[in-house]
């Protein structure tokens, strides 16, 4: 009987750790709610040249840095094009803050000059 109680206790303990471990890896929906509440007329989009990216992992690194900037609504990073197109709320952040967030990674960002 004691063995059954011990086994049951261990099972419950392991089950609770598994549930907790899975909850830490679930995506947060805060950004989705923020996006839904933003009036698209209140947003700006900037295209940046991002140098130093050589693979998809590099673009993911830049994307994660941009997602941490309050006010960034939709970052799109293309490593093959050396480019990031970022839609943001100008009431919450600036182009300079977005560039600074990228420059804190191993990659460097600057405003992309329009093609003539």
N, C-alpha and C. Protein backbone atom coordinates (compact mmCIF):
# COMPACT_ATOMS: atom_id res chain seq x y z
N UNK A 1 0.81 -1.19 0.00
CA UNK A 1 0.00 0.00 0.00
C UNK A 1 0.87 1.26 0.00
N UNK A 2 1.98 1.22 0.78
CA UNK A 2 2.87 2.37 0.82
C UNK A 2 3.50 2.60 -0.56
N UNK A 3 3.86 1.50 -1.24
CA UNK A 3 4.45 1.63 -2.57
C UNK A 3 3.49 2.31 -3.52
N UNK A 4 2.22 1.96 -3.44
CA UNK A 4 1.21 2.56 -4.30
C UNK A 4 1.08 4.06 -4.03
N UNK A 5 1.12 4.46 -2.78
CA UNK A 5 1.05 5.88 -2.44
C UNK A 5 2.29 6.62 -2.92
N UNK A 6 3.46 6.02 -2.76
CA UNK A 6 4.70 6.65 -3.21
C UNK A 6 4.69 6.79 -4.72
N UNK A 7 4.29 5.75 -5.43
CA UNK A 7 4.25 5.80 -6.89
C UNK A 7 3.24 6.84 -7.35
N UNK A 8 2.08 6.89 -6.70
CA UNK A 8 1.06 7.89 -7.05
C UNK A 8 1.59 9.30 -6.81
N UNK A 9 2.27 9.50 -5.71
CA UNK A 9 2.83 10.80 -5.39
C UNK A 9 3.88 11.23 -6.40
N UNK A 10 4.76 10.30 -6.78
CA UNK A 10 5.78 10.60 -7.79
C UNK A 10 5.14 10.94 -9.13
N UNK A 11 4.12 10.18 -9.49
CA UNK A 11 3.42 10.43 -10.75
C UNK A 11 2.83 11.84 -10.77
N UNK A 12 2.17 12.22 -9.70
CA UNK A 12 1.58 13.56 -9.62
C UNK A 12 2.65 14.64 -9.65
N UNK A 13 3.75 14.40 -8.98
CA UNK A 13 4.85 15.36 -8.97
C UNK A 13 5.41 15.55 -10.37
N UNK A 14 5.69 14.46 -11.07
CA UNK A 14 6.21 14.54 -12.43
C UNK A 14 5.21 15.19 -13.37
N UNK A 15 3.94 14.87 -13.21
CA UNK A 15 2.91 15.45 -14.06
C UNK A 15 2.84 16.96 -13.88
N UNK A 16 2.97 17.44 -12.65
CA UNK A 16 2.91 18.89 -12.41
C UNK A 16 4.12 19.60 -13.01
N UNK A 17 5.31 18.99 -12.95
CA UNK A 17 6.49 19.58 -13.57
C UNK A 17 6.33 19.65 -15.08
N UNK A 18 5.76 18.61 -15.68
CA UNK A 18 5.55 18.58 -17.12
C UNK A 18 4.59 19.69 -17.54
N UNK A 19 3.51 19.87 -16.82
CA UNK A 19 2.53 20.91 -17.15
C UNK A 19 3.16 22.29 -17.03
N UNK A 20 3.97 22.48 -15.99
CA UNK A 20 4.63 23.77 -15.80
C UNK A 20 5.66 24.02 -16.90
N UNK A 21 6.40 23.01 -17.29
CA UNK A 21 7.41 23.16 -18.34
C UNK A 21 6.76 23.51 -19.67
N UNK A 22 5.61 22.93 -19.96
CA UNK A 22 4.94 23.23 -21.21
C UNK A 22 4.38 24.64 -21.22
N UNK A 23 3.92 25.13 -20.10
CA UNK A 23 3.33 26.47 -20.06
C UNK A 23 4.36 27.56 -20.29
N UNK A 24 5.63 27.31 -19.96
CA UNK A 24 6.65 28.33 -20.16
C UNK A 24 6.99 28.51 -21.63
N UNK A 25 6.68 27.55 -22.44
CA UNK A 25 7.06 27.60 -23.85
C UNK A 25 5.92 28.03 -24.76
N UNK A 26 4.75 28.26 -24.22
CA UNK A 26 3.63 28.69 -25.04
C UNK A 26 3.80 30.15 -25.41
N UNK A 27 3.44 30.52 -26.64
CA UNK A 27 3.57 31.92 -27.03
C UNK A 27 2.58 32.79 -26.27
N UNK A 28 3.00 34.00 -26.02
CA UNK A 28 2.13 34.94 -25.33
C UNK A 28 1.28 35.66 -26.37
N UNK A 29 0.03 35.90 -26.05
CA UNK A 29 -0.89 36.52 -26.98
C UNK A 29 -0.97 38.03 -26.80
N UNK A 30 -0.14 38.61 -25.94
CA UNK A 30 -0.19 40.05 -25.68
C UNK A 30 0.02 40.85 -26.95
N UNK A 31 0.98 40.45 -27.79
CA UNK A 31 1.26 41.17 -29.02
C UNK A 31 0.08 41.11 -29.97
N UNK A 32 -0.62 39.96 -30.03
CA UNK A 32 -1.78 39.84 -30.90
C UNK A 32 -2.88 40.80 -30.47
N UNK A 33 -3.08 40.93 -29.18
CA UNK A 33 -4.09 41.85 -28.67
C UNK A 33 -3.68 43.28 -29.00
N UNK A 34 -2.40 43.58 -28.82
CA UNK A 34 -1.90 44.92 -29.12
C UNK A 34 -2.11 45.24 -30.59
N UNK A 35 -1.80 44.29 -31.48
CA UNK A 35 -1.98 44.50 -32.91
C UNK A 35 -3.44 44.75 -33.25
N UNK A 36 -4.33 44.03 -32.62
CA UNK A 36 -5.76 44.17 -32.91
C UNK A 36 -6.29 45.53 -32.49
N UNK A 37 -5.70 46.13 -31.47
CA UNK A 37 -6.17 47.41 -30.95
C UNK A 37 -5.53 48.62 -31.63
N UNK A 38 -4.58 48.40 -32.52
CA UNK A 38 -3.89 49.50 -33.18
C UNK A 38 -4.64 49.91 -34.44
N UNK A 39 -4.88 51.19 -34.57
CA UNK A 39 -5.45 51.73 -35.80
C UNK A 39 -4.29 51.84 -36.80
N UNK A 40 -4.43 51.23 -37.95
CA UNK A 40 -3.33 51.19 -38.92
C UNK A 40 -2.95 52.58 -39.42
N UNK A 41 -3.84 53.56 -39.29
CA UNK A 41 -3.50 54.92 -39.69
C UNK A 41 -2.53 55.56 -38.70
N UNK A 42 -2.44 55.00 -37.52
CA UNK A 42 -1.54 55.52 -36.49
C UNK A 42 -0.16 54.88 -36.55
N UNK A 43 0.07 54.01 -37.50
CA UNK A 43 1.35 53.31 -37.57
C UNK A 43 2.25 53.91 -38.65
N UNK A 44 3.51 53.60 -38.53
CA UNK A 44 4.50 53.96 -39.55
C UNK A 44 5.26 52.70 -39.90
N UNK A 45 5.82 52.69 -41.09
CA UNK A 45 6.64 51.57 -41.54
C UNK A 45 7.98 52.12 -42.00
N UNK A 46 9.04 51.47 -41.57
CA UNK A 46 10.38 51.88 -41.95
C UNK A 46 11.10 50.67 -42.54
N UNK A 47 11.92 50.93 -43.56
CA UNK A 47 12.74 49.88 -44.16
C UNK A 47 14.19 50.15 -43.79
N UNK A 48 14.82 49.15 -43.19
CA UNK A 48 16.19 49.28 -42.72
C UNK A 48 17.11 48.32 -43.45
N UNK A 49 18.33 48.77 -43.67
CA UNK A 49 19.37 47.87 -44.19
C UNK A 49 20.03 47.24 -42.97
N UNK A 50 20.08 45.91 -42.97
CA UNK A 50 20.67 45.18 -41.85
C UNK A 50 21.83 44.36 -42.41
N UNK A 51 23.04 44.66 -41.97
CA UNK A 51 24.22 43.95 -42.48
C UNK A 51 24.69 42.90 -41.49
N UNK A 52 25.33 41.87 -42.02
CA UNK A 52 25.92 40.82 -41.19
C UNK A 52 25.11 39.55 -41.10
N UNK A 53 23.89 39.55 -41.63
CA UNK A 53 23.05 38.34 -41.57
C UNK A 53 23.45 37.39 -42.69
N UNK A 54 23.62 36.12 -42.34
CA UNK A 54 24.02 35.12 -43.33
C UNK A 54 23.06 33.95 -43.44
N UNK A 55 22.09 33.86 -42.53
CA UNK A 55 21.19 32.70 -42.54
C UNK A 55 19.87 33.06 -41.87
N UNK A 56 18.95 32.10 -41.91
CA UNK A 56 17.63 32.29 -41.31
C UNK A 56 17.73 32.51 -39.80
N UNK A 57 18.68 31.86 -39.17
CA UNK A 57 18.87 32.04 -37.73
C UNK A 57 19.24 33.48 -37.40
N UNK A 58 20.03 34.10 -38.27
CA UNK A 58 20.39 35.51 -38.08
C UNK A 58 19.15 36.38 -38.13
N UNK A 59 18.29 36.15 -39.12
CA UNK A 59 17.08 36.96 -39.23
C UNK A 59 16.16 36.72 -38.03
N UNK A 60 16.11 35.50 -37.52
CA UNK A 60 15.31 35.22 -36.33
C UNK A 60 15.85 35.97 -35.11
N UNK A 61 17.17 36.07 -35.02
CA UNK A 61 17.81 36.81 -33.92
C UNK A 61 17.39 38.28 -33.97
N UNK A 62 17.43 38.86 -35.17
CA UNK A 62 17.03 40.26 -35.33
C UNK A 62 15.54 40.42 -35.03
N UNK A 63 14.74 39.47 -35.51
CA UNK A 63 13.29 39.52 -35.29
C UNK A 63 12.97 39.51 -33.79
N UNK A 64 13.64 38.66 -33.04
CA UNK A 64 13.40 38.59 -31.59
C UNK A 64 13.79 39.90 -30.90
N UNK A 65 14.87 40.51 -31.36
CA UNK A 65 15.28 41.80 -30.78
C UNK A 65 14.23 42.86 -31.07
N UNK A 66 13.68 42.85 -32.27
CA UNK A 66 12.65 43.83 -32.64
C UNK A 66 11.35 43.61 -31.88
N UNK A 67 11.01 42.36 -31.65
CA UNK A 67 9.77 42.04 -30.93
C UNK A 67 9.81 42.52 -29.48
N UNK A 68 11.00 42.73 -28.94
CA UNK A 68 11.14 43.20 -27.56
C UNK A 68 10.95 44.72 -27.44
N UNK A 69 10.97 45.42 -28.57
CA UNK A 69 10.83 46.87 -28.55
C UNK A 69 9.34 47.22 -28.41
N UNK A 70 9.01 47.93 -27.34
CA UNK A 70 7.61 48.33 -27.15
C UNK A 70 7.19 49.24 -28.29
N UNK A 71 6.08 48.92 -28.92
CA UNK A 71 5.57 49.73 -30.02
C UNK A 71 5.80 49.10 -31.37
N UNK A 72 6.70 48.12 -31.46
CA UNK A 72 6.89 47.42 -32.73
C UNK A 72 5.70 46.49 -32.91
N UNK A 73 5.02 46.64 -34.04
CA UNK A 73 3.81 45.87 -34.30
C UNK A 73 4.11 44.67 -35.17
N UNK A 74 4.85 44.91 -36.25
CA UNK A 74 5.13 43.80 -37.16
C UNK A 74 6.52 43.93 -37.76
N UNK A 75 7.48 43.15 -37.28
CA UNK A 75 8.80 43.15 -37.91
C UNK A 75 8.88 42.06 -38.97
N UNK A 76 9.44 42.40 -40.10
CA UNK A 76 9.68 41.42 -41.17
C UNK A 76 11.16 41.53 -41.52
N UNK A 77 11.91 40.46 -41.31
CA UNK A 77 13.36 40.48 -41.54
C UNK A 77 13.69 39.48 -42.64
N UNK A 78 14.42 39.96 -43.66
CA UNK A 78 14.81 39.12 -44.80
C UNK A 78 16.33 39.12 -44.91
N UNK A 79 16.94 38.02 -44.50
CA UNK A 79 18.41 37.99 -44.50
C UNK A 79 18.99 38.01 -45.91
N UNK A 80 18.31 37.41 -46.87
CA UNK A 80 18.83 37.39 -48.25
C UNK A 80 18.86 38.79 -48.86
N UNK A 81 17.95 39.64 -48.41
CA UNK A 81 17.86 41.00 -48.93
C UNK A 81 18.60 42.01 -48.04
N UNK A 82 19.17 41.54 -46.92
CA UNK A 82 19.80 42.44 -45.93
C UNK A 82 18.84 43.56 -45.54
N UNK A 83 17.60 43.17 -45.20
CA UNK A 83 16.58 44.18 -44.99
C UNK A 83 15.63 43.79 -43.87
N UNK A 84 15.15 44.82 -43.18
CA UNK A 84 14.08 44.65 -42.19
C UNK A 84 13.02 45.71 -42.47
N UNK A 85 11.78 45.27 -42.57
CA UNK A 85 10.66 46.19 -42.74
C UNK A 85 9.87 46.13 -41.44
N UNK A 86 9.79 47.25 -40.76
CA UNK A 86 9.21 47.27 -39.41
C UNK A 86 8.03 48.24 -39.36
N UNK A 87 6.88 47.70 -38.99
CA UNK A 87 5.70 48.53 -38.74
C UNK A 87 5.64 48.79 -37.24
N UNK A 88 5.46 50.06 -36.87
CA UNK A 88 5.51 50.41 -35.46
C UNK A 88 4.54 51.54 -35.14
N UNK A 89 4.28 51.70 -33.86
CA UNK A 89 3.44 52.79 -33.36
C UNK A 89 4.37 53.93 -32.96
N UNK A 90 4.33 55.07 -33.68
CA UNK A 90 5.25 56.16 -33.39
C UNK A 90 4.99 56.84 -32.04
N UNK A 91 3.85 56.54 -31.42
CA UNK A 91 3.59 57.09 -30.08
C UNK A 91 4.37 56.32 -29.01
N UNK A 92 4.80 55.10 -29.36
CA UNK A 92 5.48 54.25 -28.37
C UNK A 92 6.97 54.06 -28.63
N UNK A 93 7.41 54.24 -29.87
CA UNK A 93 8.83 54.04 -30.17
C UNK A 93 9.23 54.91 -31.35
N UNK A 94 10.53 54.92 -31.62
CA UNK A 94 11.07 55.73 -32.72
C UNK A 94 11.91 54.85 -33.63
N UNK A 95 12.22 55.39 -34.80
CA UNK A 95 13.11 54.67 -35.73
C UNK A 95 14.47 54.48 -35.07
N UNK A 96 14.92 55.48 -34.35
CA UNK A 96 16.23 55.40 -33.68
C UNK A 96 16.26 54.27 -32.66
N UNK A 97 15.17 54.09 -31.92
CA UNK A 97 15.11 53.01 -30.93
C UNK A 97 15.11 51.64 -31.61
N UNK A 98 14.46 51.56 -32.75
CA UNK A 98 14.42 50.30 -33.50
C UNK A 98 15.82 49.96 -34.02
N UNK A 99 16.50 50.96 -34.58
CA UNK A 99 17.87 50.76 -35.07
C UNK A 99 18.79 50.37 -33.92
N UNK A 100 18.64 51.03 -32.79
CA UNK A 100 19.47 50.72 -31.61
C UNK A 100 19.26 49.28 -31.14
N UNK A 101 18.02 48.81 -31.18
CA UNK A 101 17.74 47.42 -30.77
C UNK A 101 18.46 46.43 -31.67
N UNK A 102 18.50 46.71 -32.96
CA UNK A 102 19.21 45.82 -33.89
C UNK A 102 20.71 45.93 -33.66
N UNK A 103 21.20 47.14 -33.45
CA UNK A 103 22.64 47.35 -33.27
C UNK A 103 23.18 46.73 -31.97
N UNK A 104 22.29 46.40 -31.04
CA UNK A 104 22.72 45.69 -29.83
C UNK A 104 22.95 44.21 -30.10
N UNK A 105 22.52 43.73 -31.26
CA UNK A 105 22.79 42.35 -31.68
C UNK A 105 24.10 42.38 -32.46
N UNK A 106 24.58 41.25 -32.95
CA UNK A 106 25.81 41.26 -33.75
C UNK A 106 25.65 41.90 -35.13
N UNK A 107 24.46 42.39 -35.46
CA UNK A 107 24.17 42.92 -36.79
C UNK A 107 24.04 44.44 -36.71
N UNK A 108 24.20 45.11 -37.83
CA UNK A 108 24.14 46.57 -37.85
C UNK A 108 23.02 47.04 -38.78
N UNK A 109 22.27 48.04 -38.30
CA UNK A 109 21.13 48.56 -39.05
C UNK A 109 21.33 50.03 -39.38
N UNK A 110 20.77 50.43 -40.52
CA UNK A 110 20.74 51.83 -40.91
C UNK A 110 19.53 52.03 -41.81
N UNK A 111 19.12 53.29 -41.96
CA UNK A 111 17.99 53.57 -42.84
C UNK A 111 18.36 53.18 -44.26
N UNK A 112 17.45 52.52 -44.93
CA UNK A 112 17.69 52.12 -46.31
C UNK A 112 17.32 53.28 -47.21
N UNK A 113 18.23 53.64 -48.08
CA UNK A 113 17.98 54.72 -49.02
C UNK A 113 17.04 54.22 -50.11
N UNK A 114 16.03 55.03 -50.47
CA UNK A 114 15.12 54.58 -51.54
C UNK A 114 15.86 54.48 -52.86
N UNK A 115 15.48 53.47 -53.65
CA UNK A 115 16.10 53.29 -54.97
C UNK A 115 15.57 54.35 -55.91
N UNK A 116 16.49 54.93 -56.71
CA UNK A 116 16.04 55.95 -57.65
C UNK A 116 15.96 55.44 -59.05
